[in-house]
């Protein structure tokens, strides 16, 4: 671990760690919302299976009402979870960006006058505005989103194995083959 976290990487990790520690509860709340979204995403194919197997194949039209209510329930729950996630996410990331901007502003106000003569003040203001927003996007999409996507892939993989392990094995083999084929065709 020490080898990986050297130089700039360690500085970036320490800078992020400060905000992760400060907003740990809110970030855990975001994680809980993401877990709910993963499991709600798994419920939709289950209702689709019921629709095809029971309603269409077995002609149990009484199940159609339950499948429709299930889809409606999933939609309502997913909307509520996304709404809650958006509120928590906005609060956390607005606080993080405010803290970073305030920290930059305080650093700029302590700089000597000749610093501002050497550097473009428009560029310095742009760092407060644009770079901080880029940092927020990085944390949200590259860290939280990355963990969410891996969790989703893992849960989907387990579900595939439970439903049909032979088909899952075929799928697991075909994913790297498709990446290899894309790379091979792209180079040719």
Protein backbone atom coordinates (compact mmCIF):
# COMPACT_ATOMS: atom_id res chain seq x y z
CA UNK A 1 0.00 0.00 0.00
CA UNK A 2 2.86 2.39 0.82
CA UNK A 3 4.37 1.84 -2.61
CA UNK A 4 1.12 2.83 -4.34
CA UNK A 5 0.62 5.94 -2.20
CA UNK A 6 3.80 7.82 -2.98
CA UNK A 7 4.34 11.41 -4.04
CA UNK A 8 1.38 13.09 -5.71
CA UNK A 9 -0.97 10.14 -5.15
CA UNK A 10 -0.41 10.35 -1.43
CA UNK A 11 -1.07 14.10 -1.48
CA UNK A 12 -4.32 13.59 -3.42
CA UNK A 13 -5.41 10.78 -1.11
CA UNK A 14 -4.65 12.89 1.98
CA UNK A 15 -6.61 15.82 0.50
CA UNK A 16 -9.61 13.59 -0.24
CA UNK A 17 -9.28 11.79 3.10
CA UNK A 18 -9.84 15.07 4.93
CA UNK A 19 -13.25 15.47 3.29
CA UNK A 20 -14.11 11.77 3.53
CA UNK A 21 -13.51 11.90 7.28
CA UNK A 22 -15.43 15.16 7.66
CA UNK A 23 -18.51 13.92 5.76
CA UNK A 24 -18.29 10.22 6.62
CA UNK A 25 -21.93 9.88 7.76
CA UNK A 26 -23.32 11.58 4.66
CA UNK A 27 -21.09 9.51 2.38
CA UNK A 28 -22.24 6.34 4.13
CA UNK A 29 -25.82 7.55 3.55
CA UNK A 30 -25.02 7.91 -0.16
CA UNK A 31 -23.66 4.37 -0.09
CA UNK A 32 -26.88 3.08 1.48
CA UNK A 33 -28.90 4.78 -1.27
CA UNK A 34 -26.65 3.16 -3.89
CA UNK A 35 -27.16 -0.28 -2.31
CA UNK A 36 -30.95 0.24 -2.42
CA UNK A 37 -30.65 1.18 -6.10
CA UNK A 38 -28.70 -2.00 -6.82
CA UNK A 39 -31.37 -4.20 -5.26
CA UNK A 40 -34.22 -2.26 -6.87
CA UNK A 41 -32.47 -2.74 -10.20
CA UNK A 42 -32.48 -6.49 -9.59
CA UNK A 43 -36.23 -6.57 -8.90
CA UNK A 44 -37.18 -5.32 -12.37
CA UNK A 45 -35.83 -8.38 -14.25
CA UNK A 46 -37.63 -10.61 -11.74
CA UNK A 47 -40.96 -9.04 -12.69
CA UNK A 48 -40.03 -9.35 -16.36
CA UNK A 49 -39.39 -13.07 -15.80
CA UNK A 50 -42.82 -13.39 -14.16
CA UNK A 51 -44.38 -11.53 -17.09
CA UNK A 52 -42.85 -13.83 -19.67
CA UNK A 53 -43.01 -17.16 -17.79
CA UNK A 54 -46.33 -16.87 -15.97
CA UNK A 55 -48.42 -14.38 -17.93
CA UNK A 56 -47.34 -15.04 -21.52
CA UNK A 57 -46.28 -18.70 -21.46
CA UNK A 58 -48.56 -20.18 -18.77
CA UNK A 59 -51.40 -17.75 -19.58
CA UNK A 60 -52.00 -16.81 -15.93
CA UNK A 61 -53.62 -13.46 -16.63
CA UNK A 62 -54.32 -12.91 -12.93
CA UNK A 63 -50.56 -12.45 -12.47
CA UNK A 64 -50.54 -9.52 -14.90
CA UNK A 65 -52.07 -7.26 -12.24
CA UNK A 66 -49.33 -8.21 -9.75
CA UNK A 67 -46.57 -7.75 -12.30
CA UNK A 68 -47.90 -4.27 -13.18
CA UNK A 69 -48.21 -3.36 -9.48
CA UNK A 70 -44.66 -4.65 -8.95
CA UNK A 71 -43.31 -2.47 -11.72
CA UNK A 72 -45.23 0.51 -10.34
CA UNK A 73 -43.88 -0.17 -6.84
CA UNK A 74 -40.32 -0.43 -8.15
CA UNK A 75 -40.76 2.84 -10.04
CA UNK A 76 -42.09 4.64 -6.96
CA UNK A 77 -39.40 3.23 -4.65
CA UNK A 78 -36.65 3.99 -7.15
CA UNK A 79 -37.93 7.56 -7.55
CA UNK A 80 -37.95 8.05 -3.77
CA UNK A 81 -34.45 6.60 -3.39
CA UNK A 82 -33.12 8.76 -6.23
CA UNK A 83 -34.77 11.82 -4.68
CA UNK A 84 -33.21 11.10 -1.28
CA UNK A 85 -29.86 10.38 -2.89
CA UNK A 86 -30.00 13.67 -4.79
CA UNK A 87 -30.74 15.63 -1.60
CA UNK A 88 -27.90 14.00 0.36
CA UNK A 89 -25.53 14.24 -2.60
CA UNK A 90 -26.26 17.93 -3.15
CA UNK A 91 -25.76 18.73 0.53
CA UNK A 92 -22.49 16.82 0.78
CA UNK A 93 -20.96 18.07 -2.42
CA UNK A 94 -22.10 21.66 -1.90
CA UNK A 95 -20.45 21.60 1.53
CA UNK A 96 -17.28 20.03 0.11
CA UNK A 97 -17.00 22.56 -2.72
CA UNK A 98 -17.75 25.42 -0.33
CA UNK A 99 -15.01 24.24 2.04
CA UNK A 100 -12.49 23.90 -0.78
CA UNK A 101 -13.36 27.30 -2.25
CA UNK A 102 -13.11 28.91 1.18
CA UNK A 103 -9.75 27.24 1.75
CA UNK A 104 -8.48 28.51 -1.62
CA UNK A 105 -9.85 31.99 -0.97
CA UNK A 106 -8.12 32.14 2.41
CA UNK A 107 -4.88 30.98 0.81
CA UNK A 108 -5.16 33.66 -1.89
CA UNK A 109 -5.84 36.42 0.64
CA UNK A 110 -2.65 35.52 2.52
CA UNK A 111 -0.49 35.74 -0.59
CA UNK A 112 1.83 38.72 -1.03
CA UNK A 113 0.91 41.36 -3.64
CA UNK A 114 3.76 40.35 -5.98
CA UNK A 115 2.15 36.89 -6.30
CA UNK A 116 -0.82 38.50 -8.03
CA UNK A 117 1.48 40.51 -10.27
CA UNK A 118 3.15 37.30 -11.47
CA UNK A 119 -0.06 35.27 -11.95
CA UNK A 120 -3.16 35.97 -13.98
CA UNK A 121 -5.95 36.80 -11.52
CA UNK A 122 -8.56 35.47 -13.97
CA UNK A 123 -6.77 32.12 -13.94
CA UNK A 124 -6.71 32.13 -10.15
CA UNK A 125 -10.45 32.84 -10.01
CA UNK A 126 -11.02 30.12 -12.60
CA UNK A 127 -9.28 27.67 -10.26
CA UNK A 128 -11.73 28.56 -7.52
CA UNK A 129 -14.69 28.06 -9.84
CA UNK A 130 -13.94 25.42 -12.46
CA UNK A 131 -11.25 23.31 -10.80
CA UNK A 132 -13.26 22.86 -7.62
CA UNK A 133 -16.28 21.74 -9.68
CA UNK A 134 -14.02 19.29 -11.51
CA UNK A 135 -12.83 17.94 -8.16
CA UNK A 136 -16.45 17.46 -7.05
CA UNK A 137 -17.25 15.62 -10.27
CA UNK A 138 -14.16 13.45 -9.78
CA UNK A 139 -15.21 12.38 -6.29
CA UNK A 140 -18.83 11.81 -7.30
CA UNK A 141 -18.28 9.98 -10.58
CA UNK A 142 -14.85 8.42 -10.27
CA UNK A 143 -14.90 7.30 -6.65
CA UNK A 144 -18.52 6.85 -5.57
CA UNK A 145 -19.72 5.92 -9.07
CA UNK A 146 -16.81 3.51 -9.52
CA UNK A 147 -17.59 1.65 -6.30
CA UNK A 148 -21.30 1.57 -7.24
CA UNK A 149 -20.61 0.11 -10.70
CA UNK A 150 -18.34 -2.59 -9.27
CA UNK A 151 -20.96 -3.46 -6.65
CA UNK A 152 -23.63 -3.63 -9.33
CA UNK A 153 -21.45 -5.87 -11.53
CA UNK A 154 -20.70 -8.17 -8.58
CA UNK A 155 -24.35 -8.51 -7.55
CA UNK A 156 -25.44 -9.07 -11.16
CA UNK A 157 -22.73 -11.70 -11.55
CA UNK A 158 -23.93 -13.55 -8.46
CA UNK A 159 -27.54 -13.41 -9.69
CA UNK A 160 -26.46 -14.77 -13.09
CA UNK A 161 -24.64 -17.66 -11.43
CA UNK A 162 -27.68 -18.45 -9.26
CA UNK A 163 -30.10 -18.37 -12.22
CA UNK A 164 -27.96 -20.38 -14.67
CA UNK A 165 -24.30 -21.02 -13.93
CA UNK A 166 -23.53 -22.37 -17.43
CA UNK A 167 -24.89 -19.27 -19.14
CA UNK A 168 -23.13 -17.08 -16.55
CA UNK A 169 -19.81 -18.84 -17.23
CA UNK A 170 -20.29 -18.30 -20.96
CA UNK A 171 -20.98 -14.60 -20.30
CA UNK A 172 -17.95 -14.24 -18.03
CA UNK A 173 -15.75 -15.73 -20.76
CA UNK A 174 -17.28 -13.60 -23.53
CA UNK A 175 -16.68 -10.25 -21.79
CA UNK A 176 -12.86 -10.37 -22.03
CA UNK A 177 -13.12 -11.92 -25.51
CA UNK A 178 -15.28 -9.01 -26.68
CA UNK A 179 -12.75 -6.51 -25.26
CA UNK A 180 -9.96 -8.36 -27.06
CA UNK A 181 -11.96 -8.41 -30.32
CA UNK A 182 -12.68 -4.68 -30.07
CA UNK A 183 -9.00 -3.93 -29.50
CA UNK A 184 -7.96 -6.27 -32.31
CA UNK A 185 -10.45 -4.77 -34.79
CA UNK A 186 -9.55 -1.23 -33.71
CA UNK A 187 -5.87 -1.81 -34.45
CA UNK A 188 -6.51 -3.38 -37.87
